[in-house]
Amino acid sequence: MYQDRIVLCASSSYEKKFWFNDDFATLPEQVKQELKIMCVLFTEDVGGILSLEFDEDGTLLFKVDVAEADFYFDEIGSALKIKELQRTKRDFLEAIETYYKVFFLKEIGR
C-alpha cells in the first residue's frame, strides 16, 4: 500500500503551519488535536520542521529537518524534547502505532 515511510503529520516553524495526512481522517478528533498541539509546541520551542512518520513496520518515528541557514535551531533541545515526548506520551504514541498496524498494515492478532 505504501512505500518506505508514510507521514502522519508535520509542523513547520518556518511557515508556521501544521499538516495532517487525510489518510488518517478516521482518527478521533481529540487524537488529531493532541498531535497538532504536540507538534506545534515542539517546533515553536526548538524550531525546524517536525514530522511524525510510520516506517514499513509501523513504528512511529520523529523526524526533524532544519533549513541549512537556521542558526537558531536548538539541536540538543530537539533531541531532549523528542525523548521527553516519547517518555511522557508513550501510551498515546503506542496507541497510534497500534491503530496504524491494525487499519493500514492489517496486523490483526499478531
N, C-alpha and C. Protein backbone atom coordinates (compact mmCIF):
# COMPACT_ATOMS: atom_id res chain seq x y z
N MET A 1 0.82 -1.19 0.00
CA MET A 1 0.00 0.00 0.00
C MET A 1 0.87 1.26 0.00
N TYR A 2 1.88 1.33 0.87
CA TYR A 2 2.75 2.50 0.95
C TYR A 2 4.20 2.09 0.71
N GLN A 3 5.04 3.08 0.42
CA GLN A 3 6.46 2.83 0.25
C GLN A 3 7.13 2.72 1.62
N ASP A 4 8.33 3.23 1.71
CA ASP A 4 9.13 3.08 2.93
C ASP A 4 8.49 3.73 4.16
N ARG A 5 8.11 4.99 4.04
CA ARG A 5 7.54 5.70 5.19
C ARG A 5 6.32 6.49 4.77
N ILE A 6 5.40 6.63 5.72
CA ILE A 6 4.20 7.43 5.47
C ILE A 6 4.10 8.48 6.58
N VAL A 7 3.89 9.72 6.20
CA VAL A 7 3.84 10.82 7.15
C VAL A 7 2.45 10.91 7.75
N LEU A 8 2.39 10.93 9.07
CA LEU A 8 1.13 11.11 9.79
C LEU A 8 0.77 12.59 9.86
N CYS A 9 1.75 13.41 10.29
CA CYS A 9 1.53 14.85 10.40
C CYS A 9 2.88 15.55 10.46
N ALA A 10 2.84 16.87 10.28
CA ALA A 10 4.08 17.64 10.31
C ALA A 10 3.77 19.07 10.73
N SER A 11 4.78 19.70 11.33
CA SER A 11 4.67 21.10 11.74
C SER A 11 5.96 21.82 11.35
N SER A 12 5.82 23.05 10.87
CA SER A 12 6.98 23.83 10.43
C SER A 12 7.05 25.14 11.19
N SER A 13 8.20 25.40 11.80
CA SER A 13 8.39 26.69 12.46
C SER A 13 8.67 27.78 11.44
N TYR A 14 9.09 27.40 10.23
CA TYR A 14 9.41 28.38 9.19
C TYR A 14 8.13 28.95 8.56
N GLU A 15 7.19 28.08 8.25
CA GLU A 15 5.95 28.51 7.59
C GLU A 15 4.81 28.73 8.58
N LYS A 16 5.05 28.36 9.85
CA LYS A 16 4.02 28.47 10.89
C LYS A 16 2.76 27.71 10.47
N LYS A 17 2.98 26.46 10.00
CA LYS A 17 1.87 25.64 9.53
C LYS A 17 1.94 24.25 10.13
N PHE A 18 0.75 23.64 10.23
CA PHE A 18 0.62 22.24 10.64
C PHE A 18 -0.09 21.51 9.53
N TRP A 19 0.37 20.30 9.21
CA TRP A 19 -0.24 19.50 8.16
C TRP A 19 -0.60 18.14 8.74
N PHE A 20 -1.80 17.65 8.39
CA PHE A 20 -2.25 16.34 8.83
C PHE A 20 -2.64 15.53 7.61
N ASN A 21 -2.16 14.30 7.53
CA ASN A 21 -2.42 13.41 6.40
C ASN A 21 -3.88 12.95 6.43
N ASP A 22 -4.63 13.27 5.39
CA ASP A 22 -6.05 12.92 5.31
C ASP A 22 -6.30 11.41 5.29
N ASP A 23 -5.28 10.61 5.01
CA ASP A 23 -5.43 9.16 5.06
C ASP A 23 -5.80 8.69 6.47
N PHE A 24 -5.54 9.55 7.46
CA PHE A 24 -5.80 9.21 8.86
C PHE A 24 -7.02 9.96 9.41
N ALA A 25 -7.91 10.36 8.53
CA ALA A 25 -9.10 11.13 8.91
C ALA A 25 -9.99 10.39 9.90
N THR A 26 -9.91 9.06 9.95
CA THR A 26 -10.76 8.30 10.87
C THR A 26 -10.27 8.34 12.32
N LEU A 27 -9.10 8.90 12.55
CA LEU A 27 -8.65 9.07 13.93
C LEU A 27 -9.61 10.02 14.65
N PRO A 28 -9.87 9.79 15.92
CA PRO A 28 -10.75 10.69 16.67
C PRO A 28 -10.21 12.12 16.67
N GLU A 29 -11.12 13.08 16.69
CA GLU A 29 -10.73 14.50 16.66
C GLU A 29 -9.81 14.86 17.83
N GLN A 30 -10.04 14.27 18.98
CA GLN A 30 -9.19 14.54 20.15
C GLN A 30 -7.75 14.09 19.90
N VAL A 31 -7.57 12.98 19.21
CA VAL A 31 -6.23 12.50 18.87
C VAL A 31 -5.56 13.46 17.89
N LYS A 32 -6.30 13.89 16.88
CA LYS A 32 -5.76 14.85 15.91
C LYS A 32 -5.32 16.13 16.60
N GLN A 33 -6.14 16.62 17.54
CA GLN A 33 -5.81 17.85 18.25
C GLN A 33 -4.56 17.66 19.12
N GLU A 34 -4.46 16.52 19.77
CA GLU A 34 -3.28 16.24 20.60
C GLU A 34 -2.01 16.19 19.75
N LEU A 35 -2.10 15.59 18.58
CA LEU A 35 -0.96 15.55 17.66
C LEU A 35 -0.57 16.97 17.23
N LYS A 36 -1.57 17.77 16.92
CA LYS A 36 -1.31 19.15 16.49
C LYS A 36 -0.62 19.94 17.60
N ILE A 37 -1.16 19.85 18.79
CA ILE A 37 -0.57 20.56 19.93
C ILE A 37 0.87 20.11 20.16
N MET A 38 1.08 18.81 20.16
CA MET A 38 2.41 18.25 20.41
C MET A 38 3.42 18.74 19.36
N CYS A 39 3.06 18.68 18.10
CA CYS A 39 3.98 19.05 17.02
C CYS A 39 4.24 20.55 16.96
N VAL A 40 3.18 21.34 17.10
CA VAL A 40 3.34 22.80 17.03
C VAL A 40 4.16 23.31 18.22
N LEU A 41 3.89 22.81 19.41
CA LEU A 41 4.69 23.23 20.56
C LEU A 41 6.16 22.85 20.39
N PHE A 42 6.40 21.68 19.82
CA PHE A 42 7.78 21.24 19.57
C PHE A 42 8.50 22.24 18.66
N THR A 43 7.90 22.56 17.51
CA THR A 43 8.58 23.44 16.55
C THR A 43 8.66 24.88 17.06
N GLU A 44 7.71 25.30 17.87
CA GLU A 44 7.80 26.64 18.45
C GLU A 44 8.91 26.70 19.49
N ASP A 45 9.15 25.59 20.16
CA ASP A 45 10.17 25.53 21.21
C ASP A 45 11.58 25.43 20.64
N VAL A 46 11.81 24.51 19.70
CA VAL A 46 13.18 24.27 19.23
C VAL A 46 13.41 24.67 17.78
N GLY A 47 12.35 24.92 17.02
CA GLY A 47 12.49 25.32 15.61
C GLY A 47 12.46 24.13 14.67
N GLY A 48 12.72 24.41 13.41
CA GLY A 48 12.79 23.38 12.40
C GLY A 48 11.42 22.87 11.95
N ILE A 49 11.45 21.68 11.36
CA ILE A 49 10.24 21.01 10.88
C ILE A 49 10.20 19.64 11.53
N LEU A 50 9.11 19.34 12.18
CA LEU A 50 8.92 18.03 12.80
C LEU A 50 7.86 17.27 12.03
N SER A 51 8.19 16.03 11.64
CA SER A 51 7.18 15.17 11.06
C SER A 51 7.15 13.86 11.83
N LEU A 52 5.95 13.33 12.00
CA LEU A 52 5.76 12.03 12.61
C LEU A 52 5.47 11.07 11.47
N GLU A 53 6.30 10.03 11.35
CA GLU A 53 6.23 9.12 10.22
C GLU A 53 6.21 7.68 10.69
N PHE A 54 5.49 6.85 9.94
CA PHE A 54 5.50 5.42 10.19
C PHE A 54 6.50 4.77 9.26
N ASP A 55 7.35 3.88 9.80
CA ASP A 55 8.23 3.11 8.93
C ASP A 55 7.48 1.91 8.40
N GLU A 56 8.14 1.06 7.63
CA GLU A 56 7.48 -0.08 6.99
C GLU A 56 6.95 -1.10 8.00
N ASP A 57 7.46 -1.08 9.23
CA ASP A 57 6.99 -2.00 10.27
C ASP A 57 5.88 -1.40 11.14
N GLY A 58 5.57 -0.13 10.91
CA GLY A 58 4.52 0.51 11.69
C GLY A 58 5.01 1.24 12.92
N THR A 59 6.32 1.41 13.03
CA THR A 59 6.88 2.16 14.15
C THR A 59 6.76 3.66 13.86
N LEU A 60 6.29 4.41 14.84
CA LEU A 60 6.13 5.85 14.68
C LEU A 60 7.46 6.53 15.00
N LEU A 61 7.97 7.27 14.03
CA LEU A 61 9.26 7.93 14.15
C LEU A 61 9.10 9.44 14.19
N PHE A 62 9.97 10.09 14.94
CA PHE A 62 10.04 11.55 14.96
C PHE A 62 11.16 11.94 14.00
N LYS A 63 10.85 12.73 12.98
CA LYS A 63 11.86 13.17 12.02
C LYS A 63 11.94 14.68 12.07
N VAL A 64 13.14 15.20 12.24
CA VAL A 64 13.34 16.65 12.32
C VAL A 64 14.22 17.08 11.15
N ASP A 65 13.74 18.09 10.43
CA ASP A 65 14.51 18.70 9.34
C ASP A 65 14.76 20.16 9.70
N VAL A 66 15.92 20.65 9.26
CA VAL A 66 16.31 22.02 9.58
C VAL A 66 16.84 22.68 8.31
N ALA A 67 16.45 23.93 8.11
CA ALA A 67 16.99 24.70 6.99
C ALA A 67 18.49 24.89 7.21
N GLU A 68 19.24 24.84 6.13
CA GLU A 68 20.70 24.92 6.22
C GLU A 68 21.18 26.18 6.93
N ALA A 69 20.51 27.29 6.71
CA ALA A 69 20.94 28.57 7.29
C ALA A 69 20.25 28.89 8.62
N ASP A 70 19.64 27.91 9.24
CA ASP A 70 18.93 28.14 10.51
C ASP A 70 19.91 27.99 11.67
N PHE A 71 20.49 29.11 12.07
CA PHE A 71 21.47 29.09 13.16
C PHE A 71 20.80 29.15 14.53
N TYR A 72 19.49 29.33 14.55
CA TYR A 72 18.75 29.40 15.81
C TYR A 72 18.20 28.05 16.25
N PHE A 73 18.28 27.05 15.37
CA PHE A 73 17.75 25.73 15.70
C PHE A 73 18.51 25.15 16.89
N ASP A 74 17.77 24.60 17.84
CA ASP A 74 18.35 24.03 19.06
C ASP A 74 18.45 22.51 18.90
N GLU A 75 19.58 22.04 18.40
CA GLU A 75 19.76 20.61 18.13
C GLU A 75 19.71 19.76 19.41
N ILE A 76 20.36 20.21 20.44
CA ILE A 76 20.34 19.48 21.71
C ILE A 76 18.94 19.50 22.31
N GLY A 77 18.31 20.67 22.29
CA GLY A 77 16.95 20.78 22.79
C GLY A 77 15.98 19.90 22.01
N SER A 78 16.22 19.77 20.72
CA SER A 78 15.38 18.93 19.87
C SER A 78 15.45 17.47 20.31
N ALA A 79 16.65 16.97 20.49
CA ALA A 79 16.82 15.57 20.91
C ALA A 79 16.22 15.33 22.29
N LEU A 80 16.43 16.27 23.20
CA LEU A 80 15.87 16.15 24.55
C LEU A 80 14.34 16.20 24.53
N LYS A 81 13.79 17.07 23.70
CA LYS A 81 12.34 17.21 23.61
C LYS A 81 11.70 15.94 23.04
N ILE A 82 12.35 15.33 22.05
CA ILE A 82 11.84 14.08 21.48
C ILE A 82 11.84 12.99 22.54
N LYS A 83 12.92 12.87 23.28
CA LYS A 83 12.97 11.86 24.34
C LYS A 83 11.91 12.10 25.40
N GLU A 84 11.69 13.37 25.74
CA GLU A 84 10.65 13.71 26.72
C GLU A 84 9.26 13.32 26.20
N LEU A 85 8.98 13.64 24.94
CA LEU A 85 7.68 13.29 24.36
C LEU A 85 7.50 11.77 24.28
N GLN A 86 8.54 11.06 23.91
CA GLN A 86 8.46 9.60 23.85
C GLN A 86 8.21 8.99 25.22
N ARG A 87 8.70 9.64 26.25
CA ARG A 87 8.51 9.14 27.61
C ARG A 87 7.14 9.52 28.16
N THR A 88 6.78 10.80 28.04
CA THR A 88 5.54 11.28 28.65
C THR A 88 4.29 10.91 27.85
N LYS A 89 4.44 10.70 26.57
CA LYS A 89 3.30 10.37 25.70
C LYS A 89 3.38 8.93 25.19
N ARG A 90 4.08 8.08 25.91
CA ARG A 90 4.31 6.71 25.46
C ARG A 90 3.02 5.97 25.14
N ASP A 91 2.05 5.99 26.04
CA ASP A 91 0.79 5.27 25.80
C ASP A 91 0.05 5.83 24.58
N PHE A 92 0.03 7.13 24.46
CA PHE A 92 -0.62 7.79 23.33
C PHE A 92 0.04 7.38 22.01
N LEU A 93 1.36 7.44 21.96
CA LEU A 93 2.10 7.10 20.75
C LEU A 93 1.97 5.61 20.41
N GLU A 94 1.98 4.75 21.42
CA GLU A 94 1.79 3.32 21.19
C GLU A 94 0.40 3.02 20.64
N ALA A 95 -0.61 3.75 21.11
CA ALA A 95 -1.97 3.56 20.61
C ALA A 95 -2.06 3.95 19.13
N ILE A 96 -1.37 5.00 18.75
CA ILE A 96 -1.36 5.41 17.35
C ILE A 96 -0.66 4.36 16.49
N GLU A 97 0.44 3.81 16.99
CA GLU A 97 1.13 2.73 16.27
C GLU A 97 0.20 1.53 16.10
N THR A 98 -0.51 1.16 17.15
CA THR A 98 -1.43 0.03 17.07
C THR A 98 -2.52 0.30 16.04
N TYR A 99 -3.08 1.50 16.06
CA TYR A 99 -4.09 1.89 15.06
C TYR A 99 -3.53 1.69 13.65
N TYR A 100 -2.34 2.17 13.41
CA TYR A 100 -1.73 2.07 12.08
C TYR A 100 -1.52 0.61 11.68
N LYS A 101 -1.01 -0.18 12.61
CA LYS A 101 -0.74 -1.60 12.32
C LYS A 101 -2.02 -2.37 12.02
N VAL A 102 -3.09 -2.06 12.72
CA VAL A 102 -4.35 -2.78 12.52
C VAL A 102 -5.06 -2.32 11.24
N PHE A 103 -5.20 -1.00 11.07
CA PHE A 103 -6.01 -0.49 9.97
C PHE A 103 -5.26 -0.30 8.66
N PHE A 104 -3.94 -0.14 8.71
CA PHE A 104 -3.18 0.08 7.48
C PHE A 104 -2.33 -1.12 7.10
N LEU A 105 -1.71 -1.75 8.08
CA LEU A 105 -0.87 -2.91 7.78
C LEU A 105 -1.62 -4.23 7.95
N LYS A 106 -2.84 -4.14 8.46
CA LYS A 106 -3.72 -5.32 8.64
C LYS A 106 -3.08 -6.39 9.51
N GLU A 107 -2.42 -5.97 10.56
CA GLU A 107 -1.78 -6.89 11.52
C GLU A 107 -2.73 -7.22 12.65
N ILE A 108 -3.78 -7.88 12.34
CA ILE A 108 -4.78 -8.24 13.35
C ILE A 108 -4.34 -9.52 14.07
N GLY A 109 -4.29 -9.47 15.38
CA GLY A 109 -3.97 -10.65 16.19
C GLY A 109 -2.52 -11.06 16.22
N ARG A 110 -1.62 -10.17 15.82
CA ARG A 110 -0.20 -10.51 15.86
C ARG A 110 0.40 -10.25 17.21
